[in-house]
Amino acid sequence: MSVHKSGFVNIIGNPNVGKSTLMNALVGERLSIITSKAQTTRHRILGIVSGEDFQMVISDTPGIIKPAYALQESMMDFVKTALDDADILLYMVEIGEKGLKDERFLEKIRKSTAPVLLLINKIDTTDQEQLELQVAYWKELLPEAEIFPISALENFNIQPVFDRILELLPEGPAFFDKDQLTDKPERFFVSEVIREKILKHYKKEIPYSVEIEVESFEEGEDLIRIGAVIMVERDSQKGIIIGHKGSALKRVGSEARKDLEIFFDKKVFIELFVKVNKNWRSDARQLRRFGYN
């Protein structure tokens, strides 16, 4: 009988290095929202890749920052647990990067008992000479790590990383059903898609002061009906989200609907509301309610 392997493969790194893009390349589904703004991922999102004799539970984590308020502290707790429970660590850096936004995490990586694969991402933006300098730099900094130059966006060198993870996976039973793609419920992805559209279309602090609550999700034979509330911290932000005669909110709704129809492979009807919820980012009770605990 063949041996079954399974384990937790956790991706960590600074904001915006391409962690979510890598996760999607490995899982093959658009699980983590990807935008060009830093700090897009606020939770730990698990993507599950299963084969007959293996299961990889891949975890995308928020980018490492020095926290400024309660929400960010909770985000960094997700990173700490990802360092502690990893069977394999994927430490992702981009070309030209010299370290982590919080050096304590680098120490933790150095002391990690799990194998570390150091992925130098965005190599499509550089030349051979620069790449060789980077490899030498990281070899010295983390001598134990195995280094892979990749481009997550161009899907370059992703297969060798995948194969190496498979070799390193410990023996063990599957943690999840084999047909499960993630540990998150459907409502979570609805809120992430809406949040992605807000990140795309609004400037400055607006996207960071927004939380989405999916109040209703009714799935019929041919149609999913969704009702969601966009929460902001101030009245002025509410006006900006809605836009002139509701035009800005309409655009968010229509773009989110198109993405969700692809994600669920079904027709989607979506209704969006905007509410002011003062200081939710600093309120422990509310942060718990939104899953940041």
Protein backbone atom coordinates (compact mmCIF):
# COMPACT_ATOMS: atom_id res chain seq x y z
CA MET A 1 0.00 0.00 0.00
CA SER A 2 1.33 3.43 -0.85
CA VAL A 3 2.19 5.91 1.89
CA HIS A 4 -0.07 8.96 2.36
CA LYS A 5 1.60 12.32 3.00
CA SER A 6 0.04 15.47 4.39
CA GLY A 7 1.14 18.70 5.98
CA PHE A 8 0.77 22.44 6.47
CA VAL A 9 2.69 24.56 3.96
CA ASN A 10 2.74 28.17 5.16
CA ILE A 11 3.67 31.19 3.04
CA ILE A 12 5.13 34.21 4.84
CA GLY A 13 6.81 37.44 3.76
CA ASN A 14 6.50 41.22 3.58
CA PRO A 15 3.36 42.86 2.18
CA ASN A 16 3.00 42.75 -1.58
CA VAL A 17 5.74 40.24 -2.42
CA GLY A 18 3.28 37.99 -4.25
CA LYS A 19 2.16 35.51 -1.56
CA SER A 20 -1.45 35.39 -2.72
CA THR A 21 -0.41 35.02 -6.38
CA LEU A 22 1.81 32.08 -5.40
CA MET A 23 -0.97 30.47 -3.39
CA ASN A 24 -3.32 30.72 -6.35
CA ALA A 25 -0.65 29.28 -8.66
CA LEU A 26 -0.20 26.30 -6.33
CA VAL A 27 -3.90 25.71 -5.61
CA GLY A 28 -5.12 26.61 -9.08
CA GLU A 29 -8.13 28.56 -7.81
CA ARG A 30 -8.54 32.26 -7.16
CA LEU A 31 -8.71 31.80 -3.40
CA SER A 32 -6.71 34.75 -2.14
CA ILE A 33 -7.71 38.14 -3.37
CA ILE A 34 -4.93 39.85 -5.23
CA THR A 35 -4.58 43.57 -5.74
CA SER A 36 -1.62 45.88 -6.07
CA LYS A 37 -2.28 47.45 -2.67
CA ALA A 38 -0.31 46.22 0.32
CA GLN A 39 -2.08 44.45 3.17
CA THR A 40 -4.76 42.86 1.02
CA THR A 41 -4.82 39.60 2.93
CA ARG A 42 -6.11 40.14 6.46
CA HIS A 43 -6.80 36.55 7.48
CA ARG A 44 -5.02 33.25 7.14
CA ILE A 45 -6.57 31.63 4.12
CA LEU A 46 -6.09 27.91 3.60
CA GLY A 47 -6.00 26.40 0.13
CA ILE A 48 -6.13 22.62 -0.05
CA VAL A 49 -4.40 20.60 -2.78
CA SER A 50 -5.19 16.88 -2.70
CA GLY A 51 -3.94 13.95 -4.73
CA GLU A 52 -4.51 10.24 -4.29
CA ASP A 53 -1.60 9.88 -1.85
CA PHE A 54 -1.10 13.43 -0.55
CA GLN A 55 -2.76 16.54 0.82
CA MET A 56 -1.05 19.93 1.02
CA VAL A 57 -2.76 22.49 3.20
CA ILE A 58 -1.33 25.76 1.91
CA SER A 59 -1.74 28.85 4.00
CA ASP A 60 -1.50 32.44 2.78
CA THR A 61 -0.84 34.94 5.58
CA PRO A 62 -0.99 38.73 5.92
CA GLY A 63 2.22 40.56 4.97
CA ILE A 64 4.56 41.20 7.89
CA ILE A 65 4.32 44.74 9.30
CA LYS A 66 4.88 46.51 12.59
CA PRO A 67 1.29 46.80 13.91
CA ALA A 68 -0.21 50.25 14.47
CA TYR A 69 -3.68 49.27 15.74
CA ALA A 70 -5.66 46.28 17.07
CA LEU A 71 -6.65 44.91 13.64
CA GLN A 72 -2.99 44.78 12.56
CA GLU A 73 -1.94 43.11 15.82
CA SER A 74 -4.48 40.41 15.18
CA MET A 75 -3.15 40.05 11.60
CA MET A 76 0.38 39.51 12.96
CA ASP A 77 -0.94 36.83 15.34
CA PHE A 78 -2.02 34.88 12.22
CA VAL A 79 1.60 35.06 11.01
CA LYS A 80 2.98 33.86 14.36
CA THR A 81 0.72 30.79 14.32
CA ALA A 82 1.74 30.13 10.70
CA LEU A 83 5.39 30.03 11.82
CA ASP A 84 4.57 27.70 14.72
CA ASP A 85 2.42 25.09 12.96
CA ALA A 86 4.24 24.83 9.61
CA ASP A 87 5.48 21.48 8.34
CA ILE A 88 7.15 23.39 5.51
CA LEU A 89 7.76 27.16 5.41
CA LEU A 90 7.73 29.10 2.16
CA TYR A 91 9.53 32.37 2.87
CA MET A 92 8.86 34.68 -0.04
CA VAL A 93 10.96 37.71 -0.94
CA GLU A 94 11.10 39.87 -4.04
CA ILE A 95 14.09 41.00 -6.07
CA GLY A 96 15.96 43.79 -4.27
CA GLU A 97 14.53 43.02 -0.86
CA LYS A 98 16.88 42.97 2.13
CA GLY A 99 14.85 41.65 5.08
CA LEU A 100 11.53 41.66 6.90
CA LYS A 101 9.54 44.66 8.09
CA ASP A 102 9.83 43.12 11.54
CA GLU A 103 13.25 41.51 12.16
CA ARG A 104 11.98 39.29 15.00
CA PHE A 105 10.25 37.17 12.37
CA LEU A 106 13.55 36.59 10.57
CA GLU A 107 15.00 35.15 13.79
CA LYS A 108 11.98 32.85 14.05
CA ILE A 109 12.55 31.64 10.46
CA ARG A 110 16.21 31.02 11.25
CA LYS A 111 15.29 28.93 14.29
CA SER A 112 12.48 27.07 12.54
CA THR A 113 12.66 23.28 12.78
CA ALA A 114 10.56 23.01 9.60
CA PRO A 115 12.33 22.98 6.21
CA VAL A 116 12.43 26.48 4.68
CA LEU A 117 12.09 27.10 0.94
CA LEU A 118 13.19 30.65 0.16
CA LEU A 119 11.38 31.87 -2.96
CA ILE A 120 12.85 34.88 -4.75
CA ASN A 121 9.84 36.21 -6.63
CA LYS A 122 9.37 38.63 -9.57
CA ILE A 123 12.53 37.47 -11.35
CA ASP A 124 10.81 38.47 -14.60
CA THR A 125 11.66 42.06 -13.60
CA THR A 126 15.42 41.58 -13.32
CA ASP A 127 18.59 40.34 -15.07
CA GLN A 128 20.92 37.38 -14.41
CA GLU A 129 23.58 39.44 -12.62
CA GLN A 130 21.13 40.99 -10.17
CA LEU A 131 19.56 37.58 -9.53
CA GLU A 132 22.93 35.98 -8.73
CA LEU A 133 23.66 38.77 -6.21
CA GLN A 134 20.28 38.16 -4.57
CA VAL A 135 20.83 34.41 -4.31
CA ALA A 136 24.25 34.98 -2.71
CA TYR A 137 22.78 37.53 -0.26
CA TRP A 138 20.03 35.18 0.97
CA LYS A 139 22.34 32.15 1.08
CA GLU A 140 24.47 34.01 3.58
CA LEU A 141 21.49 35.28 5.60
CA LEU A 142 19.62 31.95 5.73
CA PRO A 143 22.16 29.19 4.98
CA GLU A 144 19.72 26.40 5.88
CA ALA A 145 17.07 27.48 3.34
CA GLU A 146 16.70 26.02 -0.15
CA ILE A 147 16.51 28.84 -2.70
CA PHE A 148 14.16 28.90 -5.71
CA PRO A 149 14.04 31.89 -8.09
CA ILE A 150 10.42 32.14 -9.33
CA SER A 151 7.83 34.35 -11.00
CA ALA A 152 4.46 33.56 -9.45
CA LEU A 153 2.71 35.86 -11.91
CA GLU A 154 4.25 34.20 -14.98
CA ASN A 155 3.95 30.75 -13.36
CA PHE A 156 7.72 30.34 -13.83
CA ASN A 157 9.52 27.64 -11.79
CA ILE A 158 6.35 26.92 -9.74
CA GLN A 159 6.31 23.21 -10.64
CA PRO A 160 9.78 22.49 -9.13
CA VAL A 161 8.63 24.23 -5.92
CA PHE A 162 5.47 22.10 -5.88
CA ASP A 163 7.49 18.90 -6.46
CA ARG A 164 9.94 19.77 -3.67
CA ILE A 165 7.07 20.45 -1.23
CA LEU A 166 5.66 17.04 -2.13
CA GLU A 167 9.02 15.38 -1.35
CA LEU A 168 9.26 17.17 2.01
CA LEU A 169 5.68 16.47 3.19
CA PRO A 170 5.58 14.26 6.28
CA GLU A 171 3.61 11.01 6.29
CA GLY A 172 0.10 11.35 7.65
CA PRO A 173 -3.63 11.15 6.93
CA ALA A 174 -5.64 13.86 5.13
CA PHE A 175 -6.86 16.73 7.35
CA PHE A 176 -9.79 17.67 5.09
CA ASP A 177 -12.13 15.99 2.61
CA LYS A 178 -10.32 15.35 -0.65
CA ASP A 179 -12.74 17.48 -2.68
CA GLN A 180 -12.51 20.48 -0.34
CA LEU A 181 -10.62 23.50 -1.71
CA THR A 182 -10.48 25.67 1.38
CA ASP A 183 -11.43 25.84 5.05
CA LYS A 184 -13.38 29.07 4.54
CA PRO A 185 -17.17 29.23 4.02
CA GLU A 186 -18.72 30.61 0.83
CA ARG A 187 -19.73 33.87 2.53
CA PHE A 188 -16.06 34.56 3.25
CA PHE A 189 -15.24 34.59 -0.47
CA VAL A 190 -18.20 36.82 -1.22
CA SER A 191 -16.89 39.40 1.25
CA GLU A 192 -13.31 39.06 -0.10
CA VAL A 193 -14.42 39.66 -3.70
CA ILE A 194 -16.38 42.77 -2.68
CA ARG A 195 -13.39 43.98 -0.67
CA GLU A 196 -11.13 43.44 -3.67
CA LYS A 197 -13.33 45.74 -5.80
CA ILE A 198 -13.19 48.39 -3.08
CA LEU A 199 -9.40 48.13 -2.95
CA LYS A 200 -9.34 48.54 -6.71
CA HIS A 201 -11.60 51.58 -7.01
CA TYR A 202 -11.10 53.70 -3.89
CA LYS A 203 -8.04 55.63 -2.80
CA LYS A 204 -6.26 56.44 0.46
CA GLU A 205 -7.59 55.05 3.70
CA ILE A 206 -11.03 54.02 2.43
CA PRO A 207 -10.23 50.33 1.67
CA TYR A 208 -8.52 49.88 5.03
CA SER A 209 -11.44 51.22 7.03
CA VAL A 210 -13.92 48.90 5.31
CA GLU A 211 -15.25 45.54 6.45
CA ILE A 212 -17.84 43.49 4.59
CA GLU A 213 -20.60 41.54 6.29
CA VAL A 214 -22.59 39.08 4.19
CA GLU A 215 -26.03 39.11 5.77
CA SER A 216 -27.78 36.72 3.44
CA PHE A 217 -26.65 33.97 1.06
CA GLU A 218 -29.47 31.98 -0.49
CA GLU A 219 -28.55 29.40 -3.07
CA GLY A 220 -31.25 28.18 -5.46
CA GLU A 221 -31.07 25.83 -8.46
CA ASP A 222 -29.90 28.47 -10.95
CA LEU A 223 -29.35 31.60 -8.84
CA ILE A 224 -27.55 32.74 -5.70
CA ARG A 225 -29.06 35.76 -3.93
CA ILE A 226 -26.61 37.73 -1.81
CA GLY A 227 -27.18 40.67 0.52
CA ALA A 228 -24.06 42.34 1.92
CA VAL A 229 -23.27 45.37 4.07
CA ILE A 230 -20.17 47.49 3.50
CA MET A 231 -19.14 48.94 6.85
CA VAL A 232 -17.17 52.17 7.05
CA GLU A 233 -15.92 54.12 10.06
CA ARG A 234 -17.24 57.60 9.19
CA ASP A 235 -20.19 59.32 7.46
CA SER A 236 -17.87 60.99 4.97
CA GLN A 237 -16.60 57.56 3.87
CA LYS A 238 -20.17 56.36 3.36
CA GLY A 239 -20.72 59.14 0.81
CA ILE A 240 -17.52 58.27 -1.02
CA ILE A 241 -18.39 54.56 -1.23
CA ILE A 242 -21.87 55.30 -2.62
CA GLY A 243 -20.69 57.97 -5.08
CA HIS A 244 -22.76 60.39 -7.18
CA LYS A 245 -26.31 59.00 -7.46
CA GLY A 246 -25.01 55.62 -6.30
CA SER A 247 -22.73 55.18 -9.33
CA ALA A 248 -19.61 54.06 -7.41
CA LEU A 249 -21.49 51.45 -5.38
CA LYS A 250 -23.18 50.15 -8.56
CA ARG A 251 -19.80 49.59 -10.18
CA VAL A 252 -18.53 47.61 -7.16
CA GLY A 253 -21.69 45.49 -7.18
CA SER A 254 -21.61 44.75 -10.86
CA GLU A 255 -17.90 43.81 -10.94
CA ALA A 256 -18.26 41.64 -7.82
CA ARG A 257 -21.27 39.89 -9.36
CA LYS A 258 -19.28 38.97 -12.50
CA ASP A 259 -16.41 37.50 -10.47
CA LEU A 260 -18.75 35.59 -8.16
CA GLU A 261 -20.63 34.09 -11.13
CA ILE A 262 -17.30 32.66 -12.33
CA PHE A 263 -16.35 31.50 -8.81
CA PHE A 264 -19.68 29.75 -8.10
CA ASP A 265 -20.43 28.86 -11.74
CA LYS A 266 -24.00 30.16 -11.30
CA LYS A 267 -26.02 33.31 -11.83
CA VAL A 268 -25.65 35.76 -8.94
CA PHE A 269 -27.91 38.58 -7.75
CA ILE A 270 -26.17 40.88 -5.29
CA GLU A 271 -27.53 43.75 -3.20
CA LEU A 272 -25.11 46.07 -1.38
CA PHE A 273 -25.79 48.45 1.52
CA VAL A 274 -23.42 50.87 3.26
CA LYS A 275 -23.47 51.44 7.02
CA VAL A 276 -21.34 53.52 9.38
CA ASN A 277 -19.80 51.44 12.18
CA LYS A 278 -17.52 53.77 14.14
CA ASN A 279 -14.03 52.54 15.14
CA TRP A 280 -14.61 48.87 14.36
CA ARG A 281 -10.86 48.44 13.71
CA SER A 282 -10.02 49.16 17.36
CA ASP A 283 -12.98 47.41 19.00
CA ALA A 284 -12.02 43.94 20.27
CA ARG A 285 -15.63 42.70 20.30
CA GLN A 286 -16.22 43.71 16.69
CA LEU A 287 -12.85 42.33 15.55
CA ARG A 288 -13.88 38.99 17.06
CA ARG A 289 -17.17 39.15 15.21
CA PHE A 290 -15.31 39.61 11.91
CA GLY A 291 -13.05 36.64 12.64
CA TYR A 292 -9.88 38.47 13.73
CA ASN A 293 -9.26 36.58 16.95
